[in-house]
N, C-alpha and C. Protein backbone atom coordinates (compact mmCIF):
# COMPACT_ATOMS: atom_id res chain seq x y z
N MET A 1 -30.13 -8.38 -15.62
CA MET A 1 -28.98 -7.77 -16.24
C MET A 1 -27.80 -7.81 -15.26
N ALA A 2 -26.67 -8.27 -15.72
CA ALA A 2 -25.47 -8.37 -14.88
C ALA A 2 -24.86 -6.99 -14.65
N GLU A 3 -24.32 -6.80 -13.46
CA GLU A 3 -23.63 -5.55 -13.16
C GLU A 3 -22.14 -5.82 -13.07
N TYR A 4 -21.35 -4.97 -13.72
CA TYR A 4 -19.92 -5.13 -13.76
C TYR A 4 -19.24 -3.96 -13.06
N PRO A 5 -18.07 -4.19 -12.51
CA PRO A 5 -17.32 -3.08 -11.91
C PRO A 5 -16.94 -2.05 -12.98
N LEU A 6 -16.79 -0.82 -12.55
CA LEU A 6 -16.45 0.26 -13.47
C LEU A 6 -14.97 0.20 -13.85
N PRO A 7 -14.65 0.49 -15.11
CA PRO A 7 -13.23 0.56 -15.48
C PRO A 7 -12.61 1.83 -14.92
N ALA A 8 -11.32 1.77 -14.62
CA ALA A 8 -10.63 2.89 -13.98
C ALA A 8 -9.96 3.83 -14.97
N PHE A 9 -10.15 3.62 -16.27
CA PHE A 9 -9.42 4.42 -17.25
C PHE A 9 -10.20 5.61 -17.80
N HIS A 10 -11.48 5.76 -17.43
CA HIS A 10 -12.29 6.84 -17.99
C HIS A 10 -12.69 7.79 -16.86
N TYR A 11 -11.98 8.90 -16.76
CA TYR A 11 -12.19 9.83 -15.65
C TYR A 11 -11.84 11.25 -16.10
N GLN A 12 -12.24 12.20 -15.28
CA GLN A 12 -11.88 13.60 -15.55
C GLN A 12 -11.50 14.27 -14.24
N VAL A 13 -10.66 15.29 -14.34
CA VAL A 13 -10.20 16.04 -13.18
C VAL A 13 -10.51 17.51 -13.39
N ASP A 14 -11.24 18.08 -12.45
CA ASP A 14 -11.51 19.51 -12.43
C ASP A 14 -10.60 20.09 -11.36
N TRP A 15 -9.59 20.86 -11.76
CA TRP A 15 -8.58 21.32 -10.81
C TRP A 15 -8.47 22.83 -10.71
N GLY A 16 -9.35 23.57 -11.36
CA GLY A 16 -9.36 25.02 -11.22
C GLY A 16 -8.18 25.70 -11.84
N GLY A 17 -7.57 25.13 -12.87
CA GLY A 17 -6.42 25.72 -13.53
C GLY A 17 -6.81 26.85 -14.47
N SER A 18 -5.81 27.48 -15.09
CA SER A 18 -6.06 28.66 -15.92
C SER A 18 -6.62 28.33 -17.29
N LYS A 19 -6.39 27.16 -17.83
CA LYS A 19 -6.85 26.80 -19.18
C LYS A 19 -8.15 26.01 -19.10
N GLY A 20 -9.15 26.61 -18.49
CA GLY A 20 -10.36 25.84 -18.24
C GLY A 20 -10.09 24.99 -17.02
N THR A 21 -11.09 24.44 -16.45
CA THR A 21 -10.87 23.74 -15.20
C THR A 21 -10.64 22.25 -15.39
N GLN A 22 -10.97 21.69 -16.54
CA GLN A 22 -10.77 20.26 -16.74
C GLN A 22 -9.48 20.04 -17.52
N VAL A 23 -8.62 19.20 -16.97
CA VAL A 23 -7.33 18.90 -17.59
C VAL A 23 -7.23 17.39 -17.73
N GLY A 24 -6.66 16.93 -18.84
CA GLY A 24 -6.46 15.50 -19.03
C GLY A 24 -5.23 15.02 -18.30
N PHE A 25 -5.40 14.10 -17.38
CA PHE A 25 -4.29 13.50 -16.66
C PHE A 25 -4.20 12.04 -17.05
N SER A 26 -2.99 11.52 -17.16
CA SER A 26 -2.82 10.11 -17.52
C SER A 26 -2.90 9.20 -16.30
N GLU A 27 -2.76 9.79 -15.12
CA GLU A 27 -2.81 8.97 -13.90
C GLU A 27 -3.17 9.85 -12.71
N VAL A 28 -4.02 9.32 -11.84
CA VAL A 28 -4.36 9.98 -10.58
C VAL A 28 -4.27 8.92 -9.49
N SER A 29 -3.56 9.24 -8.40
CA SER A 29 -3.44 8.28 -7.30
C SER A 29 -3.47 9.03 -5.97
N GLY A 30 -3.72 8.30 -4.91
CA GLY A 30 -3.74 8.88 -3.57
C GLY A 30 -5.12 9.24 -3.07
N LEU A 31 -6.15 8.66 -3.62
CA LEU A 31 -7.52 8.95 -3.17
C LEU A 31 -7.80 8.07 -1.94
N THR A 32 -7.14 8.40 -0.85
CA THR A 32 -7.15 7.55 0.34
C THR A 32 -7.60 8.32 1.57
N ILE A 33 -8.50 7.70 2.33
CA ILE A 33 -8.92 8.22 3.63
C ILE A 33 -8.60 7.14 4.66
N GLU A 34 -7.98 7.54 5.74
CA GLU A 34 -7.61 6.59 6.79
C GLU A 34 -7.91 7.22 8.14
N HIS A 35 -8.47 6.44 9.04
CA HIS A 35 -8.69 6.93 10.40
C HIS A 35 -7.57 6.41 11.28
N GLN A 36 -6.89 7.33 11.96
CA GLN A 36 -5.85 6.92 12.90
C GLN A 36 -6.53 6.25 14.09
N ILE A 37 -5.84 5.29 14.67
CA ILE A 37 -6.41 4.52 15.78
C ILE A 37 -5.97 5.12 17.11
N ILE A 38 -6.93 5.25 18.02
CA ILE A 38 -6.64 5.66 19.39
C ILE A 38 -6.78 4.42 20.25
N GLU A 39 -5.75 4.12 21.01
CA GLU A 39 -5.80 2.98 21.92
C GLU A 39 -5.87 3.51 23.35
N TYR A 40 -6.77 2.92 24.13
CA TYR A 40 -6.99 3.39 25.50
C TYR A 40 -7.21 2.19 26.42
N ARG A 41 -6.65 2.28 27.58
CA ARG A 41 -6.90 1.28 28.62
C ARG A 41 -6.82 1.98 29.96
N ASP A 42 -7.87 1.87 30.76
CA ASP A 42 -7.80 2.47 32.10
C ASP A 42 -7.19 1.47 33.07
N GLY A 43 -6.73 1.96 34.18
CA GLY A 43 -5.98 1.15 35.13
C GLY A 43 -6.77 0.07 35.82
N VAL A 44 -8.09 0.19 35.93
CA VAL A 44 -8.88 -0.82 36.63
C VAL A 44 -9.53 -1.82 35.67
N SER A 45 -9.19 -1.75 34.41
CA SER A 45 -9.76 -2.66 33.42
C SER A 45 -9.33 -4.10 33.71
N LYS A 46 -10.28 -5.02 33.66
CA LYS A 46 -9.98 -6.43 33.90
C LYS A 46 -9.36 -7.08 32.66
N GLU A 47 -9.48 -6.42 31.54
CA GLU A 47 -8.89 -6.91 30.29
C GLU A 47 -7.45 -6.42 30.21
N TYR A 48 -6.58 -7.27 29.68
CA TYR A 48 -5.18 -6.87 29.54
C TYR A 48 -4.90 -6.21 28.19
N SER A 49 -5.91 -6.03 27.40
CA SER A 49 -5.73 -5.37 26.11
C SER A 49 -6.40 -4.00 26.14
N SER A 50 -6.04 -3.18 25.20
CA SER A 50 -6.60 -1.83 25.14
C SER A 50 -7.85 -1.82 24.26
N VAL A 51 -8.63 -0.79 24.44
CA VAL A 51 -9.80 -0.55 23.60
C VAL A 51 -9.34 0.30 22.43
N LYS A 52 -9.78 -0.04 21.24
CA LYS A 52 -9.40 0.74 20.05
C LYS A 52 -10.60 1.54 19.58
N MET A 53 -10.32 2.83 19.29
CA MET A 53 -11.37 3.75 18.83
C MET A 53 -10.88 4.49 17.60
N PRO A 54 -11.82 4.89 16.72
CA PRO A 54 -11.39 5.69 15.56
C PRO A 54 -10.98 7.08 16.01
N GLY A 55 -9.91 7.57 15.42
CA GLY A 55 -9.39 8.89 15.76
C GLY A 55 -9.54 9.87 14.62
N ILE A 56 -8.59 10.75 14.51
CA ILE A 56 -8.61 11.81 13.50
C ILE A 56 -8.42 11.21 12.11
N PRO A 57 -9.21 11.64 11.13
CA PRO A 57 -9.00 11.14 9.77
C PRO A 57 -7.70 11.69 9.19
N LYS A 58 -7.09 10.89 8.35
CA LYS A 58 -5.84 11.26 7.70
C LYS A 58 -6.03 11.08 6.19
N TYR A 59 -5.61 12.07 5.42
CA TYR A 59 -5.80 12.04 3.97
C TYR A 59 -4.45 11.99 3.27
N SER A 60 -4.30 11.06 2.35
CA SER A 60 -3.06 10.97 1.58
C SER A 60 -2.97 12.12 0.59
N ASN A 61 -1.74 12.47 0.22
CA ASN A 61 -1.57 13.44 -0.85
C ASN A 61 -2.03 12.82 -2.16
N ILE A 62 -2.55 13.65 -3.04
CA ILE A 62 -3.02 13.19 -4.35
C ILE A 62 -1.94 13.52 -5.38
N THR A 63 -1.58 12.53 -6.18
CA THR A 63 -0.59 12.72 -7.24
C THR A 63 -1.29 12.59 -8.58
N MET A 64 -1.05 13.57 -9.46
CA MET A 64 -1.64 13.57 -10.80
C MET A 64 -0.51 13.70 -11.81
N LYS A 65 -0.57 12.90 -12.87
CA LYS A 65 0.46 12.90 -13.91
C LYS A 65 -0.17 13.20 -15.26
N ARG A 66 0.61 13.91 -16.08
CA ARG A 66 0.14 14.22 -17.43
C ARG A 66 1.32 14.41 -18.35
N GLY A 67 1.06 14.32 -19.65
CA GLY A 67 2.08 14.57 -20.65
C GLY A 67 2.39 16.06 -20.73
N ILE A 68 3.67 16.37 -20.94
CA ILE A 68 4.09 17.76 -21.04
C ILE A 68 3.72 18.32 -22.40
N VAL A 69 3.14 19.51 -22.39
CA VAL A 69 2.77 20.23 -23.60
C VAL A 69 3.58 21.52 -23.63
N ALA A 70 4.09 21.89 -24.78
CA ALA A 70 4.91 23.10 -24.91
C ALA A 70 4.15 24.33 -24.43
N LYS A 71 4.83 25.19 -23.71
CA LYS A 71 4.32 26.47 -23.21
C LYS A 71 3.19 26.32 -22.20
N ASP A 72 3.08 25.16 -21.56
CA ASP A 72 2.07 24.95 -20.53
C ASP A 72 2.79 24.74 -19.21
N ASN A 73 2.81 25.76 -18.37
CA ASN A 73 3.52 25.71 -17.10
C ASN A 73 2.58 25.82 -15.91
N ASP A 74 1.35 25.36 -16.07
CA ASP A 74 0.35 25.52 -15.02
C ASP A 74 0.77 24.92 -13.68
N PHE A 75 1.44 23.77 -13.69
CA PHE A 75 1.86 23.15 -12.44
C PHE A 75 2.84 24.05 -11.69
N PHE A 76 3.83 24.58 -12.43
CA PHE A 76 4.85 25.43 -11.80
C PHE A 76 4.27 26.77 -11.36
N VAL A 77 3.33 27.29 -12.14
CA VAL A 77 2.67 28.55 -11.76
C VAL A 77 1.93 28.36 -10.44
N TRP A 78 1.20 27.24 -10.30
CA TRP A 78 0.47 26.98 -9.06
C TRP A 78 1.45 26.78 -7.90
N LEU A 79 2.54 26.04 -8.14
CA LEU A 79 3.55 25.84 -7.10
C LEU A 79 4.14 27.17 -6.64
N ASN A 80 4.39 28.08 -7.56
CA ASN A 80 5.02 29.36 -7.24
C ASN A 80 4.08 30.37 -6.60
N THR A 81 2.81 30.01 -6.43
CA THR A 81 1.89 30.92 -5.72
C THR A 81 2.12 30.87 -4.21
N THR A 82 2.91 29.91 -3.74
CA THR A 82 3.18 29.78 -2.31
C THR A 82 4.17 30.86 -1.89
N LYS A 83 3.69 31.85 -1.20
CA LYS A 83 4.52 32.93 -0.69
C LYS A 83 4.20 33.13 0.78
N MET A 84 5.24 33.16 1.61
CA MET A 84 5.06 33.42 3.03
C MET A 84 4.01 32.51 3.67
N ASN A 85 4.08 31.21 3.35
CA ASN A 85 3.20 30.22 3.94
C ASN A 85 1.73 30.44 3.60
N LYS A 86 1.46 31.05 2.46
CA LYS A 86 0.09 31.28 2.02
C LYS A 86 -0.08 30.72 0.60
N PRO A 87 -0.27 29.40 0.48
CA PRO A 87 -0.43 28.82 -0.86
C PRO A 87 -1.81 29.12 -1.43
N GLU A 88 -1.89 29.09 -2.76
CA GLU A 88 -3.19 29.18 -3.41
C GLU A 88 -3.88 27.83 -3.23
N ARG A 89 -5.05 27.85 -2.62
CA ARG A 89 -5.79 26.61 -2.37
C ARG A 89 -6.92 26.48 -3.39
N ARG A 90 -7.12 25.27 -3.84
CA ARG A 90 -8.18 24.97 -4.80
C ARG A 90 -8.93 23.73 -4.36
N ASP A 91 -10.16 23.63 -4.79
CA ASP A 91 -10.93 22.40 -4.59
C ASP A 91 -10.80 21.56 -5.85
N LEU A 92 -10.47 20.29 -5.69
CA LEU A 92 -10.32 19.37 -6.81
C LEU A 92 -11.51 18.43 -6.86
N THR A 93 -11.95 18.10 -8.06
CA THR A 93 -13.00 17.12 -8.24
C THR A 93 -12.52 16.09 -9.25
N ILE A 94 -12.44 14.84 -8.83
CA ILE A 94 -12.04 13.74 -9.70
C ILE A 94 -13.26 12.86 -9.88
N SER A 95 -13.67 12.69 -11.13
CA SER A 95 -14.90 11.94 -11.42
C SER A 95 -14.60 10.73 -12.29
N LEU A 96 -15.06 9.57 -11.84
CA LEU A 96 -15.02 8.36 -12.65
C LEU A 96 -16.26 8.39 -13.54
N LEU A 97 -16.07 8.18 -14.85
CA LEU A 97 -17.16 8.36 -15.82
C LEU A 97 -17.66 7.03 -16.37
N ASN A 98 -18.94 7.02 -16.77
CA ASN A 98 -19.50 5.84 -17.43
C ASN A 98 -19.32 5.99 -18.94
N GLU A 99 -19.89 5.06 -19.70
CA GLU A 99 -19.73 5.09 -21.17
C GLU A 99 -20.40 6.29 -21.82
N ASN A 100 -21.31 6.96 -21.11
CA ASN A 100 -21.94 8.18 -21.62
C ASN A 100 -21.23 9.44 -21.15
N HIS A 101 -20.04 9.27 -20.58
CA HIS A 101 -19.20 10.37 -20.08
C HIS A 101 -19.86 11.12 -18.92
N GLU A 102 -20.68 10.42 -18.14
CA GLU A 102 -21.35 11.01 -16.98
C GLU A 102 -20.66 10.52 -15.71
N PRO A 103 -20.50 11.40 -14.72
CA PRO A 103 -19.86 10.97 -13.47
C PRO A 103 -20.73 9.95 -12.73
N VAL A 104 -20.11 8.84 -12.32
CA VAL A 104 -20.82 7.83 -11.53
C VAL A 104 -20.22 7.71 -10.13
N MET A 105 -18.99 8.18 -9.97
CA MET A 105 -18.35 8.24 -8.66
C MET A 105 -17.43 9.45 -8.66
N THR A 106 -17.49 10.22 -7.58
CA THR A 106 -16.75 11.48 -7.53
C THR A 106 -16.02 11.61 -6.20
N TRP A 107 -14.76 12.02 -6.28
CA TRP A 107 -13.95 12.34 -5.11
C TRP A 107 -13.73 13.85 -5.11
N LYS A 108 -14.01 14.50 -3.99
CA LYS A 108 -13.81 15.95 -3.87
C LYS A 108 -12.80 16.23 -2.76
N ALA A 109 -11.69 16.86 -3.15
CA ALA A 109 -10.65 17.25 -2.19
C ALA A 109 -10.77 18.75 -1.96
N VAL A 110 -10.81 19.16 -0.71
CA VAL A 110 -10.98 20.58 -0.39
C VAL A 110 -9.67 21.21 0.06
N ASN A 111 -9.51 22.47 -0.29
CA ASN A 111 -8.36 23.28 0.11
C ASN A 111 -7.03 22.65 -0.29
N ALA A 112 -6.94 22.16 -1.52
CA ALA A 112 -5.71 21.52 -1.99
C ALA A 112 -4.68 22.58 -2.36
N PHE A 113 -3.41 22.25 -2.10
CA PHE A 113 -2.31 23.11 -2.51
C PHE A 113 -1.13 22.24 -2.91
N VAL A 114 -0.29 22.78 -3.77
CA VAL A 114 0.83 22.03 -4.33
C VAL A 114 1.94 21.85 -3.30
N VAL A 115 2.43 20.62 -3.19
CA VAL A 115 3.58 20.36 -2.34
C VAL A 115 4.78 19.86 -3.14
N LYS A 116 4.54 19.42 -4.38
CA LYS A 116 5.65 18.91 -5.18
C LYS A 116 5.27 18.91 -6.66
N VAL A 117 6.20 19.35 -7.49
CA VAL A 117 6.09 19.23 -8.94
C VAL A 117 7.33 18.50 -9.41
N GLU A 118 7.14 17.47 -10.21
CA GLU A 118 8.27 16.67 -10.69
C GLU A 118 8.27 16.62 -12.21
N GLY A 119 9.40 16.95 -12.79
CA GLY A 119 9.57 16.88 -14.24
C GLY A 119 9.81 15.46 -14.70
N PRO A 120 9.95 15.27 -16.00
CA PRO A 120 10.11 13.92 -16.54
C PRO A 120 11.52 13.37 -16.31
N GLY A 121 11.62 12.07 -16.38
CA GLY A 121 12.93 11.43 -16.41
C GLY A 121 13.41 11.47 -17.85
N LEU A 122 14.52 12.11 -18.10
CA LEU A 122 15.02 12.28 -19.46
C LEU A 122 16.03 11.17 -19.78
N LYS A 123 15.86 10.58 -20.96
CA LYS A 123 16.70 9.45 -21.35
C LYS A 123 16.93 9.52 -22.85
N SER A 124 18.18 9.59 -23.27
CA SER A 124 18.49 9.78 -24.69
C SER A 124 18.08 8.60 -25.56
N THR A 125 17.91 7.43 -25.00
CA THR A 125 17.52 6.26 -25.80
C THR A 125 16.05 5.89 -25.59
N GLY A 126 15.33 6.70 -24.86
CA GLY A 126 13.92 6.39 -24.58
C GLY A 126 13.00 6.78 -25.72
N ASN A 127 11.80 6.24 -25.71
CA ASN A 127 10.80 6.62 -26.71
C ASN A 127 9.44 6.85 -26.05
N GLU A 128 9.47 7.28 -24.77
CA GLU A 128 8.24 7.54 -24.04
C GLU A 128 7.86 9.01 -24.14
N VAL A 129 6.60 9.28 -23.82
CA VAL A 129 6.12 10.66 -23.71
C VAL A 129 6.69 11.27 -22.44
N ALA A 130 7.05 12.55 -22.49
CA ALA A 130 7.55 13.25 -21.31
C ALA A 130 6.38 13.49 -20.36
N ILE A 131 6.48 12.96 -19.16
CA ILE A 131 5.40 13.04 -18.17
C ILE A 131 5.85 13.92 -17.00
N GLU A 132 4.99 14.84 -16.59
CA GLU A 132 5.24 15.62 -15.38
C GLU A 132 4.18 15.25 -14.36
N SER A 133 4.53 15.42 -13.08
CA SER A 133 3.56 15.07 -12.04
C SER A 133 3.47 16.21 -11.04
N ILE A 134 2.31 16.28 -10.42
CA ILE A 134 2.05 17.26 -9.38
C ILE A 134 1.48 16.52 -8.19
N GLU A 135 1.97 16.86 -7.01
CA GLU A 135 1.45 16.26 -5.78
C GLU A 135 0.82 17.37 -4.95
N VAL A 136 -0.40 17.13 -4.52
CA VAL A 136 -1.12 18.14 -3.73
C VAL A 136 -1.53 17.55 -2.38
N ALA A 137 -1.45 18.39 -1.37
CA ALA A 137 -1.99 18.06 -0.05
C ALA A 137 -3.37 18.71 0.03
N HIS A 138 -4.22 18.19 0.88
CA HIS A 138 -5.57 18.75 1.01
C HIS A 138 -6.08 18.52 2.42
N GLU A 139 -7.21 19.13 2.72
CA GLU A 139 -7.74 19.09 4.09
C GLU A 139 -8.99 18.23 4.23
N GLY A 140 -9.34 17.48 3.24
CA GLY A 140 -10.51 16.61 3.35
C GLY A 140 -10.87 16.01 2.01
N LEU A 141 -11.38 14.79 2.05
CA LEU A 141 -11.78 14.07 0.83
C LEU A 141 -13.15 13.47 1.06
N SER A 142 -14.09 13.86 0.20
CA SER A 142 -15.42 13.25 0.28
C SER A 142 -15.64 12.41 -0.96
N ILE A 143 -16.47 11.38 -0.83
CA ILE A 143 -16.74 10.46 -1.93
C ILE A 143 -18.24 10.42 -2.15
N GLU A 144 -18.63 10.60 -3.41
CA GLU A 144 -20.03 10.50 -3.80
C GLU A 144 -20.14 9.39 -4.82
N ASN A 145 -20.97 8.40 -4.54
CA ASN A 145 -21.15 7.26 -5.44
C ASN A 145 -22.59 7.24 -5.92
N GLY A 146 -22.76 7.49 -7.22
CA GLY A 146 -24.10 7.42 -7.79
C GLY A 146 -24.76 8.69 -8.09
């Protein structure tokens, strides 16, 4: 039996919001982990190049977009919880689903908090759905495959 890569369009996001924890997002991006490079060379090294070592991990902010629904201000409510440098932190779970709607790959972001909420671009001649986006920073991203 042939194995095919998973499609990227069937996923769910558990974000700990007030209307149940699963919200439909039209786009999720920023699921990135990067290790910063440490370069070192001691003075008696016979090599003229430095040694490279993995350093502190760096996590990109996660951006999630969804269509605006009347009387749903969850993004702004979460953004406004930031008072005196004490944001409301949540754990996010983004799951890629198979055809049976079961998670086959999961990204878990810990201690996420809102850093940006962006409203839609309004255009009098447009015919698109109004999309809002939320950008969250977090303190770690783990990946579970399978």
